[in-house]
């Protein structure tokens, strides 16, 4: 055998060994890839309904937040109206009451003075 034939034989043996090792390593990798693909398919099947439910929940939450915003605006409007009513009531009720009380005190003071003068004359 010539050195070229020996080199070719060694190369064929090494290539065969690498091929066997490659096949031994490839079998678990192919199984792992199949399992990962199966898990991704299951995840895809279960994830789509969850995302749809989440989308519906977010839509419902947005509508509820819109309702709360409308209620808050209505409450703010009611409070503003109540402030106006309280100011009007203060003007309508307290101003005349103060005038009546002031007039009554003035009349009472005047009556006391007149009564005091009448006592001094007798």
C-alpha atoms as a PDB file:
ATOM      1  CA  UNK A   1       0.000   0.000   0.000  1.00  0.00           C
ATOM      2  CA  UNK A   2       1.202   3.374  -0.898  1.00  0.00           C
ATOM      3  CA  UNK A   3       1.147   6.312   1.436  1.00  0.00           C
ATOM      4  CA  UNK A   4      -1.580   7.901  -0.672  1.00  0.00           C
ATOM      5  CA  UNK A   5      -3.828   4.884  -0.251  1.00  0.00           C
ATOM      6  CA  UNK A   6      -3.166   4.856   3.517  1.00  0.00           C
ATOM      7  CA  UNK A   7      -4.017   8.552   3.721  1.00  0.00           C
ATOM      8  CA  UNK A   8      -7.202   7.964   1.744  1.00  0.00           C
ATOM      9  CA  UNK A   9      -8.140   5.019   3.986  1.00  0.00           C
ATOM     10  CA  UNK A  10      -7.527   7.085   7.157  1.00  0.00           C
ATOM     11  CA  UNK A  11      -9.572   9.927   5.671  1.00  0.00           C
ATOM     12  CA  UNK A  12     -12.444   7.579   4.879  1.00  0.00           C
ATOM     13  CA  UNK A  13     -12.321   6.155   8.432  1.00  0.00           C
ATOM     14  CA  UNK A  14     -12.251   9.648   9.976  1.00  0.00           C
ATOM     15  CA  UNK A  15     -15.087  10.869   7.757  1.00  0.00           C
ATOM     16  CA  UNK A  16     -17.118   7.798   8.679  1.00  0.00           C
ATOM     17  CA  UNK A  17     -16.390   8.342  12.385  1.00  0.00           C
ATOM     18  CA  UNK A  18     -17.436  11.990  12.128  1.00  0.00           C
ATOM     19  CA  UNK A  19     -20.581  10.952  10.277  1.00  0.00           C
ATOM     20  CA  UNK A  20     -21.473   8.422  13.007  1.00  0.00           C
ATOM     21  CA  UNK A  21     -20.801  11.013  15.732  1.00  0.00           C
ATOM     22  CA  UNK A  22     -22.877  13.549  13.759  1.00  0.00           C
ATOM     23  CA  UNK A  23     -25.773  11.106  13.507  1.00  0.00           C
ATOM     24  CA  UNK A  24     -25.519  10.275  17.233  1.00  0.00           C
ATOM     25  CA  UNK A  25     -25.580  14.004  18.097  1.00  0.00           C
ATOM     26  CA  UNK A  26     -28.245  14.869  15.514  1.00  0.00           C
ATOM     27  CA  UNK A  27     -30.843  12.377  16.778  1.00  0.00           C
ATOM     28  CA  UNK A  28     -31.330  14.071  20.210  1.00  0.00           C
ATOM     29  CA  UNK A  29     -31.215  17.513  18.569  1.00  0.00           C
ATOM     30  CA  UNK A  30     -33.976  16.533  16.120  1.00  0.00           C
ATOM     31  CA  UNK A  31     -36.055  15.159  19.027  1.00  0.00           C
ATOM     32  CA  UNK A  32     -35.487  18.386  20.970  1.00  0.00           C
ATOM     33  CA  UNK A  33     -36.518  20.479  17.968  1.00  0.00           C
ATOM     34  CA  UNK A  34     -39.697  18.389  17.545  1.00  0.00           C
ATOM     35  CA  UNK A  35     -40.556  18.819  21.240  1.00  0.00           C
ATOM     36  CA  UNK A  36     -39.960  22.553  21.040  1.00  0.00           C
ATOM     37  CA  UNK A  37     -42.163  22.787  17.937  1.00  0.00           C
ATOM     38  CA  UNK A  38     -44.901  20.814  19.744  1.00  0.00           C
ATOM     39  CA  UNK A  39     -44.672  23.091  22.805  1.00  0.00           C
ATOM     40  CA  UNK A  40     -44.802  26.203  20.616  1.00  0.00           C
ATOM     41  CA  UNK A  41     -47.924  24.897  18.870  1.00  0.00           C
ATOM     42  CA  UNK A  42     -49.599  24.200  22.235  1.00  0.00           C
ATOM     43  CA  UNK A  43     -48.537  27.607  23.518  1.00  0.00           C
ATOM     44  CA  UNK A  44     -49.893  29.217  20.371  1.00  0.00           C
ATOM     45  CA  UNK A  45     -53.229  27.421  20.813  1.00  0.00           C
ATOM     46  CA  UNK A  46     -53.574  28.515  24.442  1.00  0.00           C
ATOM     47  CA  UNK A  47     -52.064  31.975  24.052  1.00  0.00           C
ATOM     48  CA  UNK A  48     -54.440  33.258  21.367  1.00  0.00           C
ATOM     49  CA  UNK A  49     -57.590  32.856  23.532  1.00  0.00           C
ATOM     50  CA  UNK A  50     -55.792  34.453  26.483  1.00  0.00           C
ATOM     51  CA  UNK A  51     -54.802  37.441  24.359  1.00  0.00           C
ATOM     52  CA  UNK A  52     -58.367  37.748  23.034  1.00  0.00           C
ATOM     53  CA  UNK A  53     -59.738  37.656  26.595  1.00  0.00           C
ATOM     54  CA  UNK A  54     -57.183  40.264  27.625  1.00  0.00           C
ATOM     55  CA  UNK A  55     -58.230  42.439  24.693  1.00  0.00           C
ATOM     56  CA  UNK A  56     -61.899  42.148  25.712  1.00  0.00           C
ATOM     57  CA  UNK A  57     -61.014  42.939  29.311  1.00  0.00           C
ATOM     58  CA  UNK A  58     -59.042  46.022  28.286  1.00  0.00           C
ATOM     59  CA  UNK A  59     -61.928  47.174  26.076  1.00  0.00           C
ATOM     60  CA  UNK A  60     -64.370  46.740  28.955  1.00  0.00           C
ATOM     61  CA  UNK A  61     -62.005  48.569  31.284  1.00  0.00           C
ATOM     62  CA  UNK A  62     -61.724  51.448  28.832  1.00  0.00           C
ATOM     63  CA  UNK A  63     -65.506  51.778  28.650  1.00  0.00           C
ATOM     64  CA  UNK A  64     -65.740  51.709  32.459  1.00  0.00           C
ATOM     65  CA  UNK A  65     -63.070  54.391  32.728  1.00  0.00           C
ATOM     66  CA  UNK A  66     -65.079  56.476  30.240  1.00  0.00           C
ATOM     67  CA  UNK A  67     -68.172  56.051  32.422  1.00  0.00           C
ATOM     68  CA  UNK A  68     -66.219  57.055  35.526  1.00  0.00           C
ATOM     69  CA  UNK A  69     -64.940  60.114  33.680  1.00  0.00           C
ATOM     70  CA  UNK A  70     -68.507  61.102  32.768  1.00  0.00           C
ATOM     71  CA  UNK A  71     -69.623  60.588  36.387  1.00  0.00           C
ATOM     72  CA  UNK A  72     -66.741  62.725  37.624  1.00  0.00           C
ATOM     73  CA  UNK A  73     -67.663  65.492  35.210  1.00  0.00           C
ATOM     74  CA  UNK A  74     -71.309  65.280  36.308  1.00  0.00           C
ATOM     75  CA  UNK A  75     -70.287  65.431  39.974  1.00  0.00           C
ATOM     76  CA  UNK A  76     -68.097  68.454  39.232  1.00  0.00           C
ATOM     77  CA  UNK A  77     -71.005  70.153  37.505  1.00  0.00           C
ATOM     78  CA  UNK A  78     -73.313  69.395  40.444  1.00  0.00           C
ATOM     79  CA  UNK A  79     -70.762  70.796  42.911  1.00  0.00           C
ATOM     80  CA  UNK A  80     -70.420  73.968  40.843  1.00  0.00           C
ATOM     81  CA  UNK A  81     -74.209  74.381  40.803  1.00  0.00           C
ATOM     82  CA  UNK A  82     -74.357  73.821  44.559  1.00  0.00           C
ATOM     83  CA  UNK A  83     -71.698  76.484  45.093  1.00  0.00           C
ATOM     84  CA  UNK A  84     -73.786  78.941  43.099  1.00  0.00           C
ATOM     85  CA  UNK A  85     -76.917  78.019  45.084  1.00  0.00           C
ATOM     86  CA  UNK A  86     -75.080  78.455  48.396  1.00  0.00           C
ATOM     87  CA  UNK A  87     -73.741  81.855  47.320  1.00  0.00           C
ATOM     88  CA  UNK A  88     -77.219  82.916  46.186  1.00  0.00           C
ATOM     89  CA  UNK A  89     -78.778  81.672  49.421  1.00  0.00           C
ATOM     90  CA  UNK A  90     -76.149  83.545  51.425  1.00  0.00           C
ATOM     91  CA  UNK A  91     -76.934  86.729  49.521  1.00  0.00           C
ATOM     92  CA  UNK A  92     -80.729  86.283  49.637  1.00  0.00           C
ATOM     93  CA  UNK A  93     -81.031  85.069  53.228  1.00  0.00           C
ATOM     94  CA  UNK A  94     -78.165  86.605  55.199  1.00  0.00           C
ATOM     95  CA  UNK A  95     -78.335  90.110  53.780  1.00  0.00           C
ATOM     96  CA  UNK A  96     -82.006  90.678  54.702  1.00  0.00           C
ATOM     97  CA  UNK A  97     -81.541  89.004  58.087  1.00  0.00           C
ATOM     98  CA  UNK A  98     -78.616  91.295  58.866  1.00  0.00           C
ATOM     99  CA  UNK A  99     -80.700  94.305  57.782  1.00  0.00           C
ATOM    100  CA  UNK A 100     -83.664  93.196  59.907  1.00  0.00           C
ATOM    101  CA  UNK A 101     -81.456  92.590  62.935  1.00  0.00           C
ATOM    102  CA  UNK A 102     -79.679  95.921  62.447  1.00  0.00           C
ATOM    103  CA  UNK A 103     -83.015  97.697  62.097  1.00  0.00           C
ATOM    104  CA  UNK A 104     -84.350  95.927  65.192  1.00  0.00           C
ATOM    105  CA  UNK A 105     -81.290  96.872  67.238  1.00  0.00           C
ATOM    106  CA  UNK A 106     -81.502 100.436  65.970  1.00  0.00           C
ATOM    107  CA  UNK A 107     -85.222 100.625  66.825  1.00  0.00           C
ATOM    108  CA  UNK A 108     -84.617  99.082  70.262  1.00  0.00           C
ATOM    109  CA  UNK A 109     -81.820 101.561  70.912  1.00  0.00           C
ATOM    110  CA  UNK A 110     -84.033 104.420  69.759  1.00  0.00           C
ATOM    111  CA  UNK A 111     -86.933 103.211  71.922  1.00  0.00           C
ATOM    112  CA  UNK A 112     -84.625 103.011  74.948  1.00  0.00           C
ATOM    113  CA  UNK A 113     -83.434 106.540  74.348  1.00  0.00           C
ATOM    114  CA  UNK A 114     -86.976 107.800  73.946  1.00  0.00           C
ATOM    115  CA  UNK A 115     -88.099 105.899  77.016  1.00  0.00           C
ATOM    116  CA  UNK A 116     -85.103 107.275  78.955  1.00  0.00           C
ATOM    117  CA  UNK A 117     -85.987 110.864  77.995  1.00  0.00           C
ATOM    118  CA  UNK A 118     -89.624 110.355  78.984  1.00  0.00           C
ATOM    119  CA  UNK A 119     -88.557 109.156  82.467  1.00  0.00           C
ATOM    120  CA  UNK A 120     -86.398 112.230  82.961  1.00  0.00           C
ATOM    121  CA  UNK A 121     -89.290 114.556  82.072  1.00  0.00           C
ATOM    122  CA  UNK A 122     -91.627 113.214  84.741  1.00  0.00           C
END
